[in-house]
Protein backbone atom coordinates (compact mmCIF):
# COMPACT_ATOMS: atom_id res chain seq x y z
CA MET A 1 132.24 139.56 86.20
CA LYS A 2 128.50 140.11 85.84
CA THR A 3 126.36 137.98 83.57
CA TYR A 4 122.94 136.29 83.48
CA TYR A 5 122.07 133.34 85.69
CA HIS A 6 119.03 131.09 85.62
CA LEU A 7 117.88 129.98 89.06
CA PHE A 8 115.41 127.10 89.26
CA ALA A 9 114.37 124.18 91.43
CA ASN A 10 113.36 120.63 90.60
CA GLY A 11 109.59 120.49 90.93
CA ALA A 12 109.66 116.76 91.73
CA ASP A 13 111.82 117.36 94.80
CA ALA A 14 109.87 120.41 96.02
CA ARG A 15 106.39 119.12 95.18
CA ASN A 16 104.89 120.49 98.41
CA PHE A 17 106.66 123.83 98.01
CA ILE A 18 103.33 125.71 97.93
CA THR A 19 100.00 124.44 99.26
CA SER A 20 97.88 127.61 99.47
CA GLU A 21 97.41 131.05 97.95
CA GLU A 22 98.98 132.61 101.05
CA GLU A 23 102.13 130.54 100.50
CA MET A 24 102.16 131.52 96.81
CA ILE A 25 102.12 135.22 97.73
CA ALA A 26 104.82 134.61 100.35
CA ALA A 27 107.05 132.84 97.79
CA PHE A 28 106.48 135.73 95.38
CA ASN A 29 107.42 138.31 98.03
CA ARG A 30 110.58 136.42 98.99
CA VAL A 31 112.07 137.34 95.61
CA GLY A 32 111.89 140.99 96.60
CA VAL A 33 113.28 140.28 100.06
CA CYS A 34 116.26 138.41 98.60
CA LYS A 35 116.86 141.21 96.11
CA SER A 36 117.05 143.67 99.02
CA LEU A 37 119.66 141.47 100.72
CA THR A 38 121.99 141.13 97.71
CA GLU A 39 123.41 143.07 94.78
CA ALA A 40 122.01 140.61 92.25
CA ASP A 41 119.48 142.15 89.84
CA VAL A 42 116.17 140.38 89.20
CA ILE A 43 115.31 140.42 85.49
CA ALA A 44 112.25 138.14 85.44
CA PHE A 45 110.63 135.41 87.52
CA SER A 46 107.60 133.22 87.99
CA ILE A 47 106.48 131.17 90.96
CA GLU A 48 104.85 127.80 90.36
CA ASP A 49 103.18 125.47 92.87
CA SER A 50 106.26 123.27 93.05
CA HIS A 51 109.19 125.52 92.14
CA PRO A 52 110.44 128.99 91.24
CA HIS A 53 112.14 130.19 88.04
CA ILE A 54 114.21 133.38 88.34
CA LEU A 55 116.48 135.12 85.81
CA LEU A 56 119.22 137.11 87.55
CA TRP A 57 122.00 139.46 86.47
CA GLY A 58 125.14 139.89 88.54
CA SER A 59 128.33 138.26 89.72
CA PHE A 60 128.24 134.56 90.56
CA GLU A 61 128.89 135.39 94.22
CA GLU A 62 125.90 137.74 94.53
CA CYS A 63 123.58 135.44 92.55
CA ARG A 64 124.69 132.52 94.72
CA LYS A 65 123.88 134.58 97.82
CA PHE A 66 120.45 135.29 96.35
CA ARG A 67 119.88 131.56 95.82
CA ASP A 68 121.03 130.66 99.32
CA TYR A 69 118.85 133.35 100.92
CA TYR A 70 115.83 132.19 98.90
CA GLU A 71 116.30 128.57 99.97
CA ASP A 72 116.91 129.46 103.61
CA ILE A 73 114.01 131.90 104.01
CA SER A 74 111.68 129.54 102.13
CA SER A 75 112.55 126.61 104.39
CA ARG A 76 112.07 128.71 107.51
CA CYS A 77 108.70 129.97 106.29
CA ILE A 78 107.47 126.48 105.46
CA ALA A 79 108.58 125.08 108.81
CA ARG A 80 106.98 127.97 110.68
CA ARG A 81 103.65 127.75 108.82
CA ARG A 82 103.30 123.95 108.84
CA GLY A 83 105.26 122.95 111.91
CA SER A 84 107.81 121.03 109.78
CA LEU A 85 109.40 121.06 106.33
CA ASP A 86 106.58 118.72 105.23
CA GLY A 87 108.88 116.75 102.93
CA VAL A 88 109.90 119.81 100.89
CA THR A 89 113.44 119.70 99.50
CA LEU A 90 114.10 123.09 97.94
CA HIS A 91 117.55 122.88 96.34
CA CYS A 92 117.80 125.56 93.68
CA GLU A 93 120.30 125.26 90.85
CA LEU A 94 122.09 128.22 89.35
CA TYR A 95 123.79 128.29 85.97
CA GLU A 96 125.35 130.93 83.76
CA VAL A 97 123.60 132.03 80.58
CA ASN A 98 125.86 133.83 78.12
CA GLU A 99 124.70 132.94 74.61
CA THR A 100 122.22 135.45 73.15
CA SER A 101 119.80 133.05 71.45
CA TYR A 102 119.64 130.78 74.48
CA LEU A 103 119.21 133.81 76.76
CA ARG A 104 116.14 134.83 74.77
CA ASN A 105 114.79 131.29 75.09
CA VAL A 106 115.31 131.06 78.84
CA ALA A 107 113.99 134.58 79.54
CA ALA A 108 110.75 133.75 77.72
CA TYR A 109 110.64 130.30 79.34
CA THR A 110 110.87 131.94 82.76
CA ILE A 111 107.69 133.97 82.38
CA ILE A 112 105.50 131.49 80.44
CA GLN A 113 105.63 128.79 83.12
CA ALA A 114 102.00 129.10 84.22
CA THR A 115 100.65 128.94 80.65
CA LYS A 116 103.06 126.16 79.65
CA ASP A 117 101.99 124.09 82.64
CA GLY A 118 98.33 124.25 81.66
CA LYS A 119 96.92 127.08 83.76
CA ASN A 120 94.19 129.06 82.01
CA VAL A 121 96.10 132.33 82.10
CA MET A 122 98.39 134.26 79.79
CA PRO A 123 101.84 135.32 81.05
CA TYR A 124 100.85 139.01 81.18
CA ASP A 125 97.89 138.18 83.46
CA TYR A 126 99.66 135.74 85.76
CA LEU A 127 99.65 137.18 89.28
CA TYR A 128 102.74 135.31 90.49
CA GLY A 129 105.15 136.23 87.71
CA THR A 130 106.55 139.31 86.01
CA GLY A 131 105.13 138.79 82.52
CA SER A 132 102.94 141.89 82.84
CA LEU A 133 105.91 144.26 83.15
CA TYR A 134 107.55 144.12 79.72
CA PHE A 135 106.96 145.99 76.46
CA ARG A 136 103.96 147.85 77.85
CA SER A 137 102.76 151.12 76.34
CA GLY A 138 100.45 153.82 77.68
CA ARG A 139 98.50 153.61 80.91
CA TYR A 140 97.71 150.26 82.44
CA ALA A 141 97.04 148.83 85.89
CA LEU A 142 99.42 146.28 87.33
CA PRO A 143 97.62 143.01 88.24
CA TRP A 144 98.78 143.26 91.88
CA MET A 145 96.88 146.56 92.25
CA ILE A 146 93.45 145.23 91.27
CA ASP A 147 91.05 144.03 93.97
CA ASP A 148 88.49 141.23 93.77
CA ASN A 149 85.86 143.63 92.40
CA GLY A 150 88.07 144.97 89.62
CA GLY A 151 88.85 148.24 91.39
CA ILE A 152 92.32 149.74 91.56
CA VAL A 153 93.95 149.87 94.99
CA ARG A 154 96.46 152.58 95.88
CA PRO A 155 99.88 151.20 96.86
CA ILE A 156 101.46 152.32 100.10
CA CYS A 157 105.09 152.58 101.21
CA PHE A 158 106.58 149.81 103.31
CA ARG A 159 107.28 152.33 106.07
CA GLU A 160 103.51 152.85 106.53
CA LEU A 161 102.95 149.27 107.66
CA SER A 162 102.87 148.15 111.28
CA GLU A 163 105.73 145.98 112.56
CA ARG A 164 103.45 142.93 112.45
CA GLN A 165 102.42 143.70 108.86
CA LYS A 166 106.08 144.13 107.87
CA ARG A 167 107.01 140.79 109.42
CA LEU A 168 104.14 138.99 107.69
CA LEU A 169 104.90 140.61 104.34
CA CYS A 170 108.62 139.77 104.37
CA GLY A 171 108.18 136.33 105.99
CA SER A 172 111.39 136.85 107.96
CA THR A 173 113.26 139.29 110.16
CA SER A 174 114.79 140.84 107.02
CA ARG A 175 113.26 144.07 105.79
CA ILE A 176 112.89 145.72 102.39
CA PRO A 177 113.61 149.46 101.85
CA ASP A 178 111.10 151.82 103.48
CA ASP A 179 110.18 153.51 100.18
CA TRP A 180 109.28 150.29 98.35
CA LEU A 181 105.60 150.10 97.42
CA VAL A 182 103.29 147.29 98.52
CA CYS A 183 99.71 146.58 97.50
CA ASN A 184 97.15 143.88 98.27
CA GLY A 185 99.76 141.95 100.26
CA PHE A 186 102.34 141.99 97.43
CA ILE A 187 105.76 143.61 97.36
CA LEU A 188 105.41 145.20 93.94
CA PRO A 189 108.09 143.87 91.56
CA THR A 190 108.31 147.32 89.96
CA ASN A 191 110.38 148.22 93.04
CA TYR A 192 113.27 146.03 91.96
CA VAL A 193 112.81 144.18 88.65
CA ASP A 194 115.14 145.51 85.93
CA ILE A 195 112.52 145.88 83.19
CA THR A 196 114.86 147.73 80.83
CA ARG A 197 117.48 144.99 80.88
CA PHE A 198 114.83 142.36 80.08
CA GLU A 199 113.57 144.39 77.13
CA GLU A 200 117.13 144.85 75.86
CA ILE A 201 117.42 141.06 75.55
CA TYR A 202 114.81 141.17 72.76
CA ARG A 203 115.20 144.79 71.55
CA THR A 204 111.81 144.93 69.78
CA HIS A 205 108.21 144.09 70.58
CA ASN A 206 108.08 141.72 67.61
CA CYS A 207 111.20 139.82 68.64
CA PHE A 208 109.67 139.39 72.09
CA ARG A 209 106.43 138.11 70.54
CA VAL A 210 108.36 135.57 68.46
CA PHE A 211 110.16 134.14 71.47
CA LEU A 212 107.02 134.04 73.61
CA SER A 213 105.47 131.81 70.97
CA SER A 214 108.62 129.79 70.35
CA GLY A 215 108.21 126.23 69.19
CA LYS A 216 108.71 123.19 71.37
CA ASN A 217 112.32 122.70 70.21
CA LYS A 218 113.51 125.99 71.70
CA TYR A 219 112.09 125.17 75.11
CA THR A 220 113.39 121.61 74.84
CA ASP A 221 116.87 123.15 74.78
CA VAL A 222 116.11 124.87 78.10
CA LEU A 223 114.77 121.65 79.62
CA ASP A 224 117.83 119.71 78.46
CA LYS A 225 120.14 122.34 79.93
CA MET A 226 118.34 122.28 83.29
CA ALA A 227 118.55 118.49 83.39
CA SER A 228 122.28 118.70 82.70
CA VAL A 229 122.81 121.29 85.45
CA ARG A 230 120.80 119.29 88.01
CA GLY A 231 122.96 116.26 87.40
CA ILE A 232 122.10 112.78 88.59
CA MET A 233 120.44 112.90 91.99
CA ILE A 234 122.57 110.65 94.20
CA ASP A 235 122.02 110.49 97.93
CA ASP A 236 124.61 112.58 99.82
CA HIS A 237 125.81 109.57 101.82
CA GLU A 238 126.31 107.51 98.65
CA ALA A 239 127.99 110.45 96.89
CA ARG A 240 130.45 110.77 99.78
CA LYS A 241 131.39 107.09 99.42
CA LEU A 242 131.89 107.51 95.68
CA CYS A 243 134.08 110.56 96.32
CA GLU A 244 136.21 108.72 98.89
CA ALA A 245 136.69 105.75 96.57
CA MET A 246 137.71 107.94 93.63
CA CYS A 247 140.01 110.02 95.82
CA MET A 248 141.75 106.81 96.94
CA ASP A 249 142.10 105.62 93.32
CA LEU A 250 143.50 108.92 92.08
CA PHE A 251 145.63 110.11 94.98
CA GLY A 252 145.90 107.27 97.49
CA ARG A 253 143.91 109.28 100.05
CA LYS A 254 140.49 108.38 101.44
CA GLY A 255 139.29 111.96 101.84
CA THR A 256 139.96 115.44 100.48
CA ARG A 257 141.47 116.90 103.65
CA HIS A 258 145.03 115.92 102.73
CA ILE A 259 145.08 116.65 98.99
CA THR A 260 145.91 119.94 97.27
CA PRO A 261 143.33 122.36 95.82
CA GLU A 262 144.50 121.39 92.32
CA GLN A 263 143.90 117.72 93.11
CA ARG A 264 140.47 118.57 94.52
CA MET A 265 139.56 120.31 91.27
CA ASN A 266 140.74 117.28 89.29
CA LEU A 267 138.63 115.10 91.60
CA ALA A 268 135.59 117.34 90.98
CA ARG A 269 136.07 117.05 87.20
CA GLU A 270 136.35 113.26 87.36
CA LEU A 271 133.29 112.94 89.63
CA TYR A 272 131.34 115.14 87.24
CA LYS A 273 132.40 113.16 84.18
CA LYS A 274 131.60 109.79 85.73
CA TYR A 275 128.54 110.54 87.86
CA THR A 276 127.24 113.91 86.55
CA LEU A 277 126.83 115.28 90.07
CA SER A 278 125.56 118.85 90.47
CA THR A 279 128.03 121.66 91.12
CA ARG A 280 126.49 122.17 94.55
CA GLN A 281 127.19 118.55 95.54
CA LEU A 282 130.70 118.67 94.05
CA SER A 283 131.42 121.81 96.08
CA ILE A 284 130.40 120.10 99.31
CA LEU A 285 132.36 116.92 98.54
CA THR A 286 135.60 118.60 97.46
CA LYS A 287 135.39 121.64 99.76
CA LEU A 288 135.93 123.98 96.82
CA PRO A 289 133.91 127.13 96.01
CA GLU A 290 131.04 126.36 93.67
CA GLU A 291 132.04 129.38 91.58
CA GLU A 292 135.44 127.84 90.84
CA ILE A 293 133.96 124.44 90.02
CA CYS A 294 131.58 126.07 87.52
CA LYS A 295 134.55 127.58 85.68
CA TYR A 296 136.34 124.30 85.08
CA ILE A 297 133.81 121.51 84.59
CA ARG A 298 131.27 123.01 82.16
């Protein structure tokens, strides 16, 4: 079943995620690369110095693939550019959004990140997000097509680039479709962002305006939800010990290898209730698909 998913990372963990403008552009372009590798639809996103926020539409499996590709390609790019991961821990969370009012909150929250975090820029002028794409009328120039002198640059097709340029643009061996447009070093989000679906969330220009200027309480709901999804950050080694101890208490077994899938799901629920571990960590500990865990512990 397809629905909306909010993908985000903990900025405290990934504080060195981006250290230069070149890395910011690369992180922006990776969204397009990951879209080309999956059937998940990108509805909106923004890239911050320490973390991304992306609103997706699709099945859990395809959105999970998107998340995993984004983490993997990001880590490889960082290691290649800096010679190491430089202390970056990019673990993105993914949670389902299916309530209309909350969806409107989180969609707006996704594109106002730069302004909310104190940058002197409005969402529709932010170069590393999609705020400029929605509820636009008449002729206008996309921010990625404007050069340093204010002139408009003509986009070109990906196929027109050299192999070296393609590799640098994508940041990996993966390639985007040949007919996608690029400009000023950016994979244009108009190639793949589902603008219509975003606008359907709000229906009218005025409704969109209201949610962009939502009060603190609405965005507090989003922050609380993200904190809940992240769970308590417990070291993997310690979490494994806690899992083994609880497995012994519940089933008389030290590990999950010799218990049934139903018992593993019960173990996941009990670990979540007692320690509020993330679904990703629960999946690793119990050897159950994260998609199934999400169905039964939320």
